[in-house]
Every structure is written in C-alpha cells, then in structure tokens.
Protein backbone atom coordinates (compact mmCIF):
# COMPACT_ATOMS: atom_id res chain seq x y z
CA MET A 1 -36.74 0.82 -2.34
CA PRO A 2 -34.17 3.62 -2.81
CA MET A 3 -32.12 3.71 -5.98
CA GLN A 4 -28.84 3.82 -4.07
CA GLY A 5 -26.29 1.74 -5.94
CA LYS A 6 -23.97 -0.73 -4.26
CA LYS A 7 -20.89 -2.17 -5.96
CA ASN A 8 -20.34 -5.90 -5.56
CA TYR A 9 -16.80 -6.66 -6.73
CA GLN A 10 -16.17 -10.09 -8.20
CA GLU A 11 -13.00 -11.40 -9.79
CA LYS A 12 -13.58 -12.71 -13.30
CA LEU A 13 -13.60 -16.50 -13.39
CA PHE A 14 -11.89 -17.06 -16.76
CA THR A 15 -9.18 -14.45 -17.00
CA SER A 16 -5.43 -14.74 -16.74
CA PHE A 17 -5.04 -11.31 -15.12
CA LYS A 18 -6.13 -10.52 -11.58
CA LEU A 19 -5.41 -7.05 -10.30
CA SER A 20 -5.36 -8.29 -6.72
CA ASP A 21 -2.39 -10.54 -7.61
CA ARG A 22 -0.48 -7.58 -9.05
CA VAL A 23 -0.82 -5.21 -6.07
CA SER A 24 1.69 -5.81 -3.30
CA LYS A 25 0.51 -6.76 0.18
CA GLU A 26 2.26 -3.65 1.54
CA ASN A 27 0.36 -1.27 -0.75
CA PHE A 28 -0.98 1.73 1.19
CA TYR A 29 -4.53 1.44 -0.17
CA ARG A 30 -4.66 -2.31 0.44
CA ARG A 31 -3.61 -1.77 4.07
CA LEU A 32 -6.06 1.15 4.42
CA LYS A 33 -8.90 -1.08 3.22
CA GLU A 34 -8.15 -3.51 6.06
CA VAL A 35 -8.63 -0.87 8.77
CA LEU A 36 -11.18 1.53 7.26
CA ASP A 37 -14.80 0.35 7.31
CA LEU A 38 -16.98 2.72 5.29
CA ASP A 39 -20.25 0.76 5.55
CA PHE A 40 -21.60 3.50 7.85
CA LEU A 41 -22.04 5.62 4.69
CA TYR A 42 -24.97 3.53 3.41
CA PRO A 43 -27.52 4.50 6.07
CA LEU A 44 -26.21 8.07 6.22
CA THR A 45 -26.66 8.66 2.48
CA ASN A 46 -29.77 6.54 1.88
CA LYS A 47 -32.21 9.42 2.40
CA PHE A 48 -30.61 11.40 -0.46
CA TYR A 49 -31.54 8.85 -3.13
CA GLY A 50 -34.79 8.80 -5.07
CA GLN A 51 -37.17 5.90 -5.56
CA SER A 52 -37.00 5.77 -9.36
CA GLY A 53 -34.51 6.06 -12.18
CA GLN A 54 -31.16 4.43 -12.64
CA LYS A 55 -29.09 3.23 -9.72
CA SER A 56 -26.38 5.60 -8.61
CA ILE A 57 -22.72 5.02 -8.03
CA ASP A 58 -22.07 3.21 -4.76
CA PRO A 59 -21.56 5.93 -2.09
CA VAL A 60 -18.56 4.03 -0.68
CA VAL A 61 -16.94 3.92 -4.14
CA PHE A 62 -17.62 7.64 -4.57
CA PHE A 63 -16.05 8.39 -1.16
CA LYS A 64 -13.00 6.28 -2.03
CA ILE A 65 -12.58 8.15 -5.34
CA CYS A 66 -12.68 11.46 -3.46
CA LEU A 67 -10.28 10.15 -0.81
CA VAL A 68 -7.74 8.96 -3.38
CA GLY A 69 -8.01 12.30 -5.18
CA TYR A 70 -7.29 14.11 -1.93
CA LEU A 71 -4.45 11.84 -0.85
CA GLU A 72 -2.82 11.89 -4.29
CA ASN A 73 -3.33 15.65 -4.64
CA ILE A 74 -5.32 15.23 -7.85
C-alpha cells in the first residue's frame, strides 16, 4: 500500500469555534471548492509515493496550497 497521505477533515465536536461558520458563503475559495474536484490527483500521483516511511501530505492539500499561493501572489 503506498504511503500517500489523504486528509480527512472533521469539525471538532466540543469546540465553540468553527471556521466554517466564520467564512462567508460568498467567499471565493468556498465557491471554488464547490466547482473544482481535485480527486483526479490521487491516481495521477500515486505512483510517486513509496511503500514505507511516514505518510505524506495529501496531494490535494498540497495542490491547494500551491494554488492559493499563486492566486494570492505569495
């Protein structure tokens, strides 16, 4: 089994702060998430991951970090 990581986001059960409640429905990145499906990255990147060692960062998360950096001119 490849060591490709995959992020599973879960809201915390006992916390009074939820980021999703604080971000407006019109937020650009929230709207982008609704129309951009990046699941195709998993099979495309799977062959680049080894069989041992620690799990990597989720390739979708890595792509999103790069995308935000590009869009925000960081």
